Amino acid sequence: MSLNIKYGKNKENSLEIIPVGEVDIYTSPEFKKVIFDLIETKDSNIIINGNELDYIDSTGLGILMSIYKKAQEKSLEVSIINLKPNIYKLFDITGLNKVFNIQG
């Protein structure tokens, strides 16, 4: 499977990022580069919409942590919305549900 990354400003003027497909060892470098570039150029809070995310592995979770740290350096917030139950379970097991603001 591959990864497409859609993004744009939402009504709260946050940057909404929608990963479509899988964030894994193969697609994580691209995911990280795109989001780091967006953090540098857009200077907006980040919302990661998991509605179209089918799979994430430990590499992907590590990338999310690096995105979180990069955003913190710029005093930006990172929220995650619309995770599927099987993906939320990974956040719960790893304790990342206590790090990230995860909604619905």
PDB file of N, CA and C in Angstrom:
ATOM      1  N   MET A   1       0.850  -1.187   0.000  1.00  0.00           N
ATOM      2  CA  MET A   1       0.000   0.000   0.000  1.00  0.00           C
ATOM      3  C   MET A   1       0.889   1.241   0.000  1.00  0.00           C
ATOM      4  N   SER A   2       0.325   2.324  -0.367  1.00  0.00           N
ATOM      5  CA  SER A   2       1.095   3.563  -0.404  1.00  0.00           C
ATOM      6  C   SER A   2       0.463   4.598   0.513  1.00  0.00           C
ATOM      7  N   LEU A   3       1.013   5.780   0.455  1.00  0.00           N
ATOM      8  CA  LEU A   3       0.518   6.871   1.288  1.00  0.00           C
ATOM      9  C   LEU A   3       0.344   8.108   0.426  1.00  0.00           C
ATOM     10  N   ASN A   4      -0.811   8.721   0.514  1.00  0.00           N
ATOM     11  CA  ASN A   4      -1.050  10.043  -0.039  1.00  0.00           C
ATOM     12  C   ASN A   4      -1.289  10.964   1.143  1.00  0.00           C
ATOM     13  N   ILE A   5      -0.881  12.203   1.010  1.00  0.00           N
ATOM     14  CA  ILE A   5      -1.053  13.153   2.100  1.00  0.00           C
ATOM     15  C   ILE A   5      -1.816  14.358   1.569  1.00  0.00           C
ATOM     16  N   LYS A   6      -3.034  14.529   2.093  1.00  0.00           N
ATOM     17  CA  LYS A   6      -3.835  15.700   1.741  1.00  0.00           C
ATOM     18  C   LYS A   6      -3.741  16.686   2.895  1.00  0.00           C
ATOM     19  N   TYR A   7      -3.784  17.964   2.580  1.00  0.00           N
ATOM     20  CA  TYR A   7      -3.756  18.963   3.649  1.00  0.00           C
ATOM     21  C   TYR A   7      -4.373  20.272   3.190  1.00  0.00           C
ATOM     22  N   GLY A   8      -4.768  21.052   4.167  1.00  0.00           N
ATOM     23  CA  GLY A   8      -5.330  22.374   3.912  1.00  0.00           C
ATOM     24  C   GLY A   8      -5.751  23.002   5.223  1.00  0.00           C
ATOM     25  N   LYS A   9      -6.073  24.276   5.182  1.00  0.00           N
ATOM     26  CA  LYS A   9      -6.532  24.983   6.384  1.00  0.00           C
ATOM     27  C   LYS A   9      -7.984  24.613   6.654  1.00  0.00           C
ATOM     28  N   ASN A  10      -8.312  24.440   7.947  1.00  0.00           N
ATOM     29  CA  ASN A  10      -9.704  24.186   8.302  1.00  0.00           C
ATOM     30  C   ASN A  10     -10.337  25.465   8.822  1.00  0.00           C
ATOM     31  N   LYS A  11     -11.580  25.371   9.288  1.00  0.00           N
ATOM     32  CA  LYS A  11     -12.297  26.585   9.703  1.00  0.00           C
ATOM     33  C   LYS A  11     -11.688  27.272  10.928  1.00  0.00           C
ATOM     34  N   GLU A  12     -10.913  26.534  11.733  1.00  0.00           N
ATOM     35  CA  GLU A  12     -10.236  27.153  12.879  1.00  0.00           C
ATOM     36  C   GLU A  12      -8.865  27.712  12.486  1.00  0.00           C
ATOM     37  N   ASN A  13      -8.557  27.691  11.184  1.00  0.00           N
ATOM     38  CA  ASN A  13      -7.276  28.162  10.662  1.00  0.00           C
ATOM     39  C   ASN A  13      -6.102  27.298  11.110  1.00  0.00           C
ATOM     40  N   SER A  14      -6.402  26.066  11.497  1.00  0.00           N
ATOM     41  CA  SER A  14      -5.358  25.085  11.765  1.00  0.00           C
ATOM     42  C   SER A  14      -5.059  24.356  10.460  1.00  0.00           C
ATOM     43  N   LEU A  15      -3.907  23.757  10.400  1.00  0.00           N
ATOM     44  CA  LEU A  15      -3.535  22.976   9.233  1.00  0.00           C
ATOM     45  C   LEU A  15      -4.008  21.542   9.442  1.00  0.00           C
ATOM     46  N   GLU A  16      -4.958  21.108   8.630  1.00  0.00           N
ATOM     47  CA  GLU A  16      -5.477  19.743   8.742  1.00  0.00           C
ATOM     48  C   GLU A  16      -4.757  18.855   7.741  1.00  0.00           C
ATOM     49  N   ILE A  17      -4.161  17.787   8.261  1.00  0.00           N
ATOM     50  CA  ILE A  17      -3.400  16.856   7.443  1.00  0.00           C
ATOM     51  C   ILE A  17      -4.131  15.520   7.448  1.00  0.00           C
ATOM     52  N   ILE A  18      -4.363  14.980   6.258  1.00  0.00           N
ATOM     53  CA  ILE A  18      -5.096  13.729   6.136  1.00  0.00           C
ATOM     54  C   ILE A  18      -4.204  12.700   5.440  1.00  0.00           C
ATOM     55  N   PRO A  19      -3.580  11.812   6.235  1.00  0.00           N
ATOM     56  CA  PRO A  19      -2.823  10.730   5.593  1.00  0.00           C
ATOM     57  C   PRO A  19      -3.795   9.673   5.058  1.00  0.00           C
ATOM     58  N   VAL A  20      -3.623   9.319   3.793  1.00  0.00           N
ATOM     59  CA  VAL A  20      -4.502   8.347   3.149  1.00  0.00           C
ATOM     60  C   VAL A  20      -3.680   7.096   2.861  1.00  0.00           C
ATOM     61  N   GLY A  21      -4.019   5.994   3.529  1.00  0.00           N
ATOM     62  CA  GLY A  21      -3.300   4.746   3.321  1.00  0.00           C
ATOM     63  C   GLY A  21      -2.569   4.312   4.573  1.00  0.00           C
ATOM     64  N   GLU A  22      -1.276   4.025   4.417  1.00  0.00           N
ATOM     65  CA  GLU A  22      -0.492   3.465   5.514  1.00  0.00           C
ATOM     66  C   GLU A  22       0.723   4.333   5.832  1.00  0.00           C
ATOM     67  N   VAL A  23       0.959   4.538   7.125  1.00  0.00           N
ATOM     68  CA  VAL A  23       2.189   5.180   7.587  1.00  0.00           C
ATOM     69  C   VAL A  23       3.017   4.075   8.232  1.00  0.00           C
ATOM     70  N   ASP A  24       4.025   3.620   7.493  1.00  0.00           N
ATOM     71  CA  ASP A  24       4.843   2.508   7.970  1.00  0.00           C
ATOM     72  C   ASP A  24       6.317   2.785   7.677  1.00  0.00           C
ATOM     73  N   ILE A  25       7.132   1.776   7.828  1.00  0.00           N
ATOM     74  CA  ILE A  25       8.574   1.951   7.658  1.00  0.00           C
ATOM     75  C   ILE A  25       8.930   2.473   6.265  1.00  0.00           C
ATOM     76  N   TYR A  26       8.100   2.166   5.280  1.00  0.00           N
ATOM     77  CA  TYR A  26       8.383   2.580   3.904  1.00  0.00           C
ATOM     78  C   TYR A  26       7.899   3.999   3.602  1.00  0.00           C
ATOM     79  N   THR A  27       6.772   4.384   4.189  1.00  0.00           N
ATOM     80  CA  THR A  27       6.177   5.686   3.868  1.00  0.00           C
ATOM     81  C   THR A  27       6.484   6.762   4.911  1.00  0.00           C
ATOM     82  N   SER A  28       6.998   6.374   6.072  1.00  0.00           N
ATOM     83  CA  SER A  28       7.254   7.336   7.150  1.00  0.00           C
ATOM     84  C   SER A  28       8.207   8.470   6.773  1.00  0.00           C
ATOM     85  N   PRO A  29       9.309   8.196   6.043  1.00  0.00           N
ATOM     86  CA  PRO A  29      10.202   9.315   5.698  1.00  0.00           C
ATOM     87  C   PRO A  29       9.502  10.412   4.891  1.00  0.00           C
ATOM     88  N   GLU A  30       8.659  10.026   3.946  1.00  0.00           N
ATOM     89  CA  GLU A  30       7.922  11.010   3.155  1.00  0.00           C
ATOM     90  C   GLU A  30       6.936  11.779   4.039  1.00  0.00           C
ATOM     91  N   PHE A  31       6.222  11.045   4.908  1.00  0.00           N
ATOM     92  CA  PHE A  31       5.256  11.658   5.819  1.00  0.00           C
ATOM     93  C   PHE A  31       5.944  12.701   6.692  1.00  0.00           C
ATOM     94  N   LYS A  32       7.103  12.339   7.253  1.00  0.00           N
ATOM     95  CA  LYS A  32       7.848  13.251   8.110  1.00  0.00           C
ATOM     96  C   LYS A  32       8.293  14.484   7.337  1.00  0.00           C
ATOM     97  N   LYS A  33       8.839  14.295   6.144  1.00  0.00           N
ATOM     98  CA  LYS A  33       9.341  15.421   5.364  1.00  0.00           C
ATOM     99  C   LYS A  33       8.214  16.394   5.021  1.00  0.00           C
ATOM    100  N   VAL A  34       7.086  15.871   4.549  1.00  0.00           N
ATOM    101  CA  VAL A  34       5.969  16.731   4.178  1.00  0.00           C
ATOM    102  C   VAL A  34       5.489  17.539   5.377  1.00  0.00           C
ATOM    103  N   ILE A  35       5.307  16.882   6.517  1.00  0.00           N
ATOM    104  CA  ILE A  35       4.769  17.591   7.686  1.00  0.00           C
ATOM    105  C   ILE A  35       5.795  18.555   8.262  1.00  0.00           C
ATOM    106  N   PHE A  36       7.072  18.180   8.319  1.00  0.00           N
ATOM    107  CA  PHE A  36       8.092  19.117   8.793  1.00  0.00           C
ATOM    108  C   PHE A  36       8.128  20.362   7.907  1.00  0.00           C
ATOM    109  N   ASP A  37       8.040  20.178   6.586  1.00  0.00           N
ATOM    110  CA  ASP A  37       8.019  21.320   5.669  1.00  0.00           C
ATOM    111  C   ASP A  37       6.802  22.198   5.933  1.00  0.00           C
ATOM    112  N   LEU A  38       5.647  21.568   6.185  1.00  0.00           N
ATOM    113  CA  LEU A  38       4.435  22.337   6.469  1.00  0.00           C
ATOM    114  C   LEU A  38       4.561  23.105   7.786  1.00  0.00           C
ATOM    115  N   ILE A  39       5.146  22.477   8.798  1.00  0.00           N
ATOM    116  CA  ILE A  39       5.338  23.160  10.082  1.00  0.00           C
ATOM    117  C   ILE A  39       6.213  24.398   9.886  1.00  0.00           C
ATOM    118  N   GLU A  40       7.269  24.260   9.089  1.00  0.00           N
ATOM    119  CA  GLU A  40       8.185  25.383   8.846  1.00  0.00           C
ATOM    120  C   GLU A  40       7.524  26.505   8.058  1.00  0.00           C
ATOM    121  N   THR A  41       6.704  26.165   7.065  1.00  0.00           N
ATOM    122  CA  THR A  41       6.182  27.198   6.172  1.00  0.00           C
ATOM    123  C   THR A  41       4.816  27.742   6.577  1.00  0.00           C
ATOM    124  N   LYS A  42       3.997  26.942   7.224  1.00  0.00           N
ATOM    125  CA  LYS A  42       2.622  27.372   7.513  1.00  0.00           C
ATOM    126  C   LYS A  42       2.453  27.986   8.901  1.00  0.00           C
ATOM    127  N   ASP A  43       3.290  27.596   9.852  1.00  0.00           N
ATOM    128  CA  ASP A  43       3.233  28.137  11.203  1.00  0.00           C
ATOM    129  C   ASP A  43       1.813  28.130  11.784  1.00  0.00           C
ATOM    130  N   SER A  44       1.166  26.964  11.700  1.00  0.00           N
ATOM    131  CA  SER A  44      -0.197  26.790  12.205  1.00  0.00           C
ATOM    132  C   SER A  44      -0.256  25.554  13.087  1.00  0.00           C
ATOM    133  N   ASN A  45      -1.239  25.538  13.989  1.00  0.00           N
ATOM    134  CA  ASN A  45      -1.487  24.322  14.745  1.00  0.00           C
ATOM    135  C   ASN A  45      -1.823  23.200  13.765  1.00  0.00           C
ATOM    136  N   ILE A  46      -1.509  21.978  14.163  1.00  0.00           N
ATOM    137  CA  ILE A  46      -1.648  20.819  13.293  1.00  0.00           C
ATOM    138  C   ILE A  46      -2.785  19.925  13.789  1.00  0.00           C
ATOM    139  N   ILE A  47      -3.641  19.529  12.874  1.00  0.00           N
ATOM    140  CA  ILE A  47      -4.654  18.518  13.157  1.00  0.00           C
ATOM    141  C   ILE A  47      -4.404  17.373  12.185  1.00  0.00           C
ATOM    142  N   ILE A  48      -4.134  16.198  12.726  1.00  0.00           N
ATOM    143  CA  ILE A  48      -3.963  15.013  11.887  1.00  0.00           C
ATOM    144  C   ILE A  48      -5.283  14.260  11.906  1.00  0.00           C
ATOM    145  N   ASN A  49      -5.905  14.167  10.743  1.00  0.00           N
ATOM    146  CA  ASN A  49      -7.202  13.516  10.614  1.00  0.00           C
ATOM    147  C   ASN A  49      -6.972  12.076  10.165  1.00  0.00           C
ATOM    148  N   GLY A  50      -7.265  11.126  11.054  1.00  0.00           N
ATOM    149  CA  GLY A  50      -7.027   9.719  10.778  1.00  0.00           C
ATOM    150  C   GLY A  50      -8.154   9.008  10.074  1.00  0.00           C
ATOM    151  N   ASN A  51      -9.107   9.766   9.554  1.00  0.00           N
ATOM    152  CA  ASN A  51     -10.284   9.175   8.913  1.00  0.00           C
ATOM    153  C   ASN A  51      -9.929   8.219   7.776  1.00  0.00           C
ATOM    154  N   GLU A  52      -8.861   8.520   7.020  1.00  0.00           N
ATOM    155  CA  GLU A  52      -8.479   7.689   5.877  1.00  0.00           C
ATOM    156  C   GLU A  52      -7.164   6.937   6.119  1.00  0.00           C
ATOM    157  N   LEU A  53      -6.723   6.928   7.380  1.00  0.00           N
ATOM    158  CA  LEU A  53      -5.514   6.192   7.746  1.00  0.00           C
ATOM    159  C   LEU A  53      -5.888   4.736   8.008  1.00  0.00           C
ATOM    160  N   ASP A  54      -5.301   3.842   7.218  1.00  0.00           N
ATOM    161  CA  ASP A  54      -5.645   2.428   7.330  1.00  0.00           C
ATOM    162  C   ASP A  54      -4.723   1.666   8.267  1.00  0.00           C
ATOM    163  N   TYR A  55      -3.486   2.143   8.414  1.00  0.00           N
ATOM    164  CA  TYR A  55      -2.499   1.386   9.187  1.00  0.00           C
ATOM    165  C   TYR A  55      -1.371   2.318   9.610  1.00  0.00           C
ATOM    166  N   ILE A  56      -0.840   2.082  10.802  1.00  0.00           N
ATOM    167  CA  ILE A  56       0.358   2.780  11.250  1.00  0.00           C
ATOM    168  C   ILE A  56       1.172   1.781  12.069  1.00  0.00           C
ATOM    169  N   ASP A  57       2.479   1.769  11.851  1.00  0.00           N
ATOM    170  CA  ASP A  57       3.340   0.863  12.616  1.00  0.00           C
ATOM    171  C   ASP A  57       4.176   1.673  13.604  1.00  0.00           C
ATOM    172  N   SER A  58       5.100   1.001  14.280  1.00  0.00           N
ATOM    173  CA  SER A  58       5.910   1.683  15.301  1.00  0.00           C
ATOM    174  C   SER A  58       6.767   2.784  14.702  1.00  0.00           C
ATOM    175  N   THR A  59       7.213   2.619  13.458  1.00  0.00           N
ATOM    176  CA  THR A  59       7.978   3.679  12.798  1.00  0.00           C
ATOM    177  C   THR A  59       7.099   4.912  12.630  1.00  0.00           C
ATOM    178  N   GLY A  60       5.866   4.692  12.209  1.00  0.00           N
ATOM    179  CA  GLY A  60       4.920   5.798  12.050  1.00  0.00           C
ATOM    180  C   GLY A  60       4.630   6.505  13.363  1.00  0.00           C
ATOM    181  N   LEU A  61       4.497   5.729  14.443  1.00  0.00           N
ATOM    182  CA  LEU A  61       4.280   6.334  15.766  1.00  0.00           C
ATOM    183  C   LEU A  61       5.492   7.175  16.168  1.00  0.00           C
ATOM    184  N   GLY A  62       6.682   6.679  15.854  1.00  0.00           N
ATOM    185  CA  GLY A  62       7.901   7.445  16.138  1.00  0.00           C
ATOM    186  C   GLY A  62       7.937   8.746  15.358  1.00  0.00           C
ATOM    187  N   ILE A  63       7.495   8.703  14.121  1.00  0.00           N
ATOM    188  CA  ILE A  63       7.435   9.914  13.296  1.00  0.00           C
ATOM    189  C   ILE A  63       6.442  10.904  13.899  1.00  0.00           C
ATOM    190  N   LEU A  64       5.306  10.407  14.366  1.00  0.00           N
ATOM    191  CA  LEU A  64       4.332  11.301  15.007  1.00  0.00           C
ATOM    192  C   LEU A  64       4.940  11.984  16.228  1.00  0.00           C
ATOM    193  N   MET A  65       5.750  11.251  16.984  1.00  0.00           N
ATOM    194  CA  MET A  65       6.418  11.863  18.148  1.00  0.00           C
ATOM    195  C   MET A  65       7.399  12.945  17.695  1.00  0.00           C
ATOM    196  N   SER A  66       8.135  12.703  16.618  1.00  0.00           N
ATOM    197  CA  SER A  66       9.075  13.722  16.143  1.00  0.00           C
ATOM    198  C   SER A  66       8.320  14.939  15.610  1.00  0.00           C
ATOM    199  N   ILE A  67       7.156  14.718  14.997  1.00  0.00           N
ATOM    200  CA  ILE A  67       6.315  15.831  14.544  1.00  0.00           C
ATOM    201  C   ILE A  67       5.823  16.626  15.753  1.00  0.00           C
ATOM    202  N   TYR A  68       5.423  15.910  16.793  1.00  0.00           N
ATOM    203  CA  TYR A  68       4.961  16.556  18.020  1.00  0.00           C
ATOM    204  C   TYR A  68       6.063  17.437  18.614  1.00  0.00           C
ATOM    205  N   LYS A  69       7.282  16.890  18.689  1.00  0.00           N
ATOM    206  CA  LYS A  69       8.408  17.657  19.253  1.00  0.00           C
ATOM    207  C   LYS A  69       8.744  18.866  18.398  1.00  0.00           C
ATOM    208  N   LYS A  70       8.713  18.703  17.074  1.00  0.00           N
ATOM    209  CA  LYS A  70       8.997  19.815  16.169  1.00  0.00           C
ATOM    210  C   LYS A  70       7.955  20.920  16.349  1.00  0.00           C
ATOM    211  N   ALA A  71       6.700  20.534  16.466  1.00  0.00           N
ATOM    212  CA  ALA A  71       5.626  21.515  16.671  1.00  0.00           C
ATOM    213  C   ALA A  71       5.800  22.224  18.012  1.00  0.00           C
ATOM    214  N   GLN A  72       6.187  21.478  19.052  1.00  0.00           N
ATOM    215  CA  GLN A  72       6.399  22.073  20.374  1.00  0.00           C
ATOM    216  C   GLN A  72       7.501  23.129  20.337  1.00  0.00           C
ATOM    217  N   GLU A  73       8.550  22.875  19.548  1.00  0.00           N
ATOM    218  CA  GLU A  73       9.637  23.852  19.412  1.00  0.00           C
ATOM    219  C   GLU A  73       9.126  25.187  18.878  1.00  0.00           C
ATOM    220  N   LYS A  74       8.080  25.143  18.085  1.00  0.00           N
ATOM    221  CA  LYS A  74       7.510  26.359  17.498  1.00  0.00           C
ATOM    222  C   LYS A  74       6.252  26.804  18.234  1.00  0.00           C
ATOM    223  N   SER A  75       6.011  26.228  19.419  1.00  0.00           N
ATOM    224  CA  SER A  75       4.840  26.541  20.250  1.00  0.00           C
ATOM    225  C   SER A  75       3.526  26.284  19.514  1.00  0.00           C
ATOM    226  N   LEU A  76       3.500  25.206  18.742  1.00  0.00           N
ATOM    227  CA  LEU A  76       2.288  24.812  18.025  1.00  0.00           C
ATOM    228  C   LEU A  76       1.689  23.577  18.677  1.00  0.00           C
ATOM    229  N   GLU A  77       0.388  23.426  18.541  1.00  0.00           N
ATOM    230  CA  GLU A  77      -0.297  22.263  19.088  1.00  0.00           C
ATOM    231  C   GLU A  77      -0.525  21.222  18.000  1.00  0.00           C
ATOM    232  N   VAL A  78      -0.510  19.956  18.416  1.00  0.00           N
ATOM    233  CA  VAL A  78      -0.817  18.848  17.508  1.00  0.00           C
ATOM    234  C   VAL A  78      -1.995  18.080  18.087  1.00  0.00           C
ATOM    235  N   SER A  79      -3.047  17.946  17.293  1.00  0.00           N
ATOM    236  CA  SER A  79      -4.221  17.159  17.685  1.00  0.00           C
ATOM    237  C   SER A  79      -4.419  16.048  16.665  1.00  0.00           C
ATOM    238  N   ILE A  80      -5.026  14.971  17.115  1.00  0.00           N
ATOM    239  CA  ILE A  80      -5.345  13.861  16.226  1.00  0.00           C
ATOM    240  C   ILE A  80      -6.838  13.596  16.348  1.00  0.00           C
ATOM    241  N   ILE A  81      -7.506  13.494  15.195  1.00  0.00           N
ATOM    242  CA  ILE A  81      -8.951  13.261  15.202  1.00  0.00           C
ATOM    243  C   ILE A  81      -9.286  12.062  14.321  1.00  0.00           C
ATOM    244  N   ASN A  82     -10.458  11.496  14.568  1.00  0.00           N
ATOM    245  CA  ASN A  82     -11.061  10.468  13.710  1.00  0.00           C
ATOM    246  C   ASN A  82     -10.207   9.208  13.536  1.00  0.00           C
ATOM    247  N   LEU A  83      -9.564   8.756  14.596  1.00  0.00           N
ATOM    248  CA  LEU A  83      -8.810   7.499  14.491  1.00  0.00           C
ATOM    249  C   LEU A  83      -9.755   6.317  14.495  1.00  0.00           C
ATOM    250  N   LYS A  84      -9.452   5.342  13.671  1.00  0.00           N
ATOM    251  CA  LYS A  84     -10.215   4.089  13.680  1.00  0.00           C
ATOM    252  C   LYS A  84      -9.878   3.334  14.963  1.00  0.00           C
ATOM    253  N   PRO A  85     -10.815   2.531  15.478  1.00  0.00           N
ATOM    254  CA  PRO A  85     -10.591   1.848  16.769  1.00  0.00           C
ATOM    255  C   PRO A  85      -9.303   1.022  16.829  1.00  0.00           C
ATOM    256  N   ASN A  86      -8.965   0.320  15.752  1.00  0.00           N
ATOM    257  CA  ASN A  86      -7.752  -0.510  15.781  1.00  0.00           C
ATOM    258  C   ASN A  86      -6.482   0.351  15.849  1.00  0.00           C
ATOM    259  N   ILE A  87      -6.522   1.544  15.288  1.00  0.00           N
ATOM    260  CA  ILE A  87      -5.358   2.440  15.346  1.00  0.00           C
ATOM    261  C   ILE A  87      -5.314   3.134  16.701  1.00  0.00           C
ATOM    262  N   TYR A  88      -6.468   3.550  17.219  1.00  0.00           N
ATOM    263  CA  TYR A  88      -6.480   4.159  18.551  1.00  0.00           C
ATOM    264  C   TYR A  88      -5.906   3.190  19.583  1.00  0.00           C
ATOM    265  N   LYS A  89      -6.176   1.911  19.409  1.00  0.00           N
ATOM    266  CA  LYS A  89      -5.689   0.896  20.348  1.00  0.00           C
ATOM    267  C   LYS A  89      -4.159   0.950  20.463  1.00  0.00           C
ATOM    268  N   LEU A  90      -3.461   1.193  19.357  1.00  0.00           N
ATOM    269  CA  LEU A  90      -1.993   1.337  19.395  1.00  0.00           C
ATOM    270  C   LEU A  90      -1.574   2.529  20.252  1.00  0.00           C
ATOM    271  N   PHE A  91      -2.303   3.631  20.116  1.00  0.00           N
ATOM    272  CA  PHE A  91      -2.002   4.813  20.929  1.00  0.00           C
ATOM    273  C   PHE A  91      -2.239   4.517  22.407  1.00  0.00           C
ATOM    274  N   ASP A  92      -3.287   3.752  22.687  1.00  0.00           N
ATOM    275  CA  ASP A  92      -3.618   3.381  24.061  1.00  0.00           C
ATOM    276  C   ASP A  92      -2.552   2.453  24.645  1.00  0.00           C
ATOM    277  N   ILE A  93      -2.171   1.426  23.897  1.00  0.00           N
ATOM    278  CA  ILE A  93      -1.178   0.455  24.368  1.00  0.00           C
ATOM    279  C   ILE A  93       0.173   1.126  24.632  1.00  0.00           C
ATOM    280  N   THR A  94       0.564   2.047  23.754  1.00  0.00           N
ATOM    281  CA  THR A  94       1.873   2.695  23.873  1.00  0.00           C
ATOM    282  C   THR A  94       1.862   3.898  24.824  1.00  0.00           C
ATOM    283  N   GLY A  95       0.673   4.299  25.267  1.00  0.00           N
ATOM    284  CA  GLY A  95       0.575   5.462  26.153  1.00  0.00           C
ATOM    285  C   GLY A  95       0.597   6.785  25.408  1.00  0.00           C
ATOM    286  N   LEU A  96       0.632   6.744  24.081  1.00  0.00           N
ATOM    287  CA  LEU A  96       0.660   7.991  23.309  1.00  0.00           C
ATOM    288  C   LEU A  96      -0.671   8.737  23.354  1.00  0.00           C
ATOM    289  N   ASN A  97      -1.722   8.044  23.802  1.00  0.00           N
ATOM    290  CA  ASN A  97      -3.002   8.733  23.979  1.00  0.00           C
ATOM    291  C   ASN A  97      -2.930   9.749  25.120  1.00  0.00           C
ATOM    292  N   LYS A  98      -1.893   9.640  25.953  1.00  0.00           N
ATOM    293  CA  LYS A  98      -1.692  10.625  27.027  1.00  0.00           C
ATOM    294  C   LYS A  98      -0.805  11.779  26.563  1.00  0.00           C
ATOM    295  N   VAL A  99      -0.100  11.582  25.453  1.00  0.00           N
ATOM    296  CA  VAL A  99       0.773  12.620  24.903  1.00  0.00           C
ATOM    297  C   VAL A  99      -0.018  13.509  23.937  1.00  0.00           C
ATOM    298  N   PHE A 100      -0.745  12.869  23.048  1.00  0.00           N
ATOM    299  CA  PHE A 100      -1.477  13.598  22.021  1.00  0.00           C
ATOM    300  C   PHE A 100      -2.893  13.927  22.473  1.00  0.00           C
ATOM    301  N   ASN A 101      -3.395  15.043  21.997  1.00  0.00           N
ATOM    302  CA  ASN A 101      -4.793  15.406  22.170  1.00  0.00           C
ATOM    303  C   ASN A 101      -5.567  14.662  21.091  1.00  0.00           C
ATOM    304  N   ILE A 102      -6.229  13.550  21.482  1.00  0.00           N
ATOM    305  CA  ILE A 102      -6.941  12.711  20.517  1.00  0.00           C
ATOM    306  C   ILE A 102      -8.443  12.890  20.733  1.00  0.00           C
ATOM    307  N   GLN A 103      -9.135  13.221  19.645  1.00  0.00           N
ATOM    308  CA  GLN A 103     -10.574  13.450  19.712  1.00  0.00           C
ATOM    309  C   GLN A 103     -11.270  12.576  18.694  1.00  0.00           C
ATOM    310  N   GLY A 104     -12.474  12.114  19.091  1.00  0.00           N
ATOM    311  CA  GLY A 104     -13.383  11.380  18.222  1.00  0.00           C
ATOM    312  C   GLY A 104     -12.715  10.525  17.246  1.00  0.00           C
TER     313      GLY A 104
END
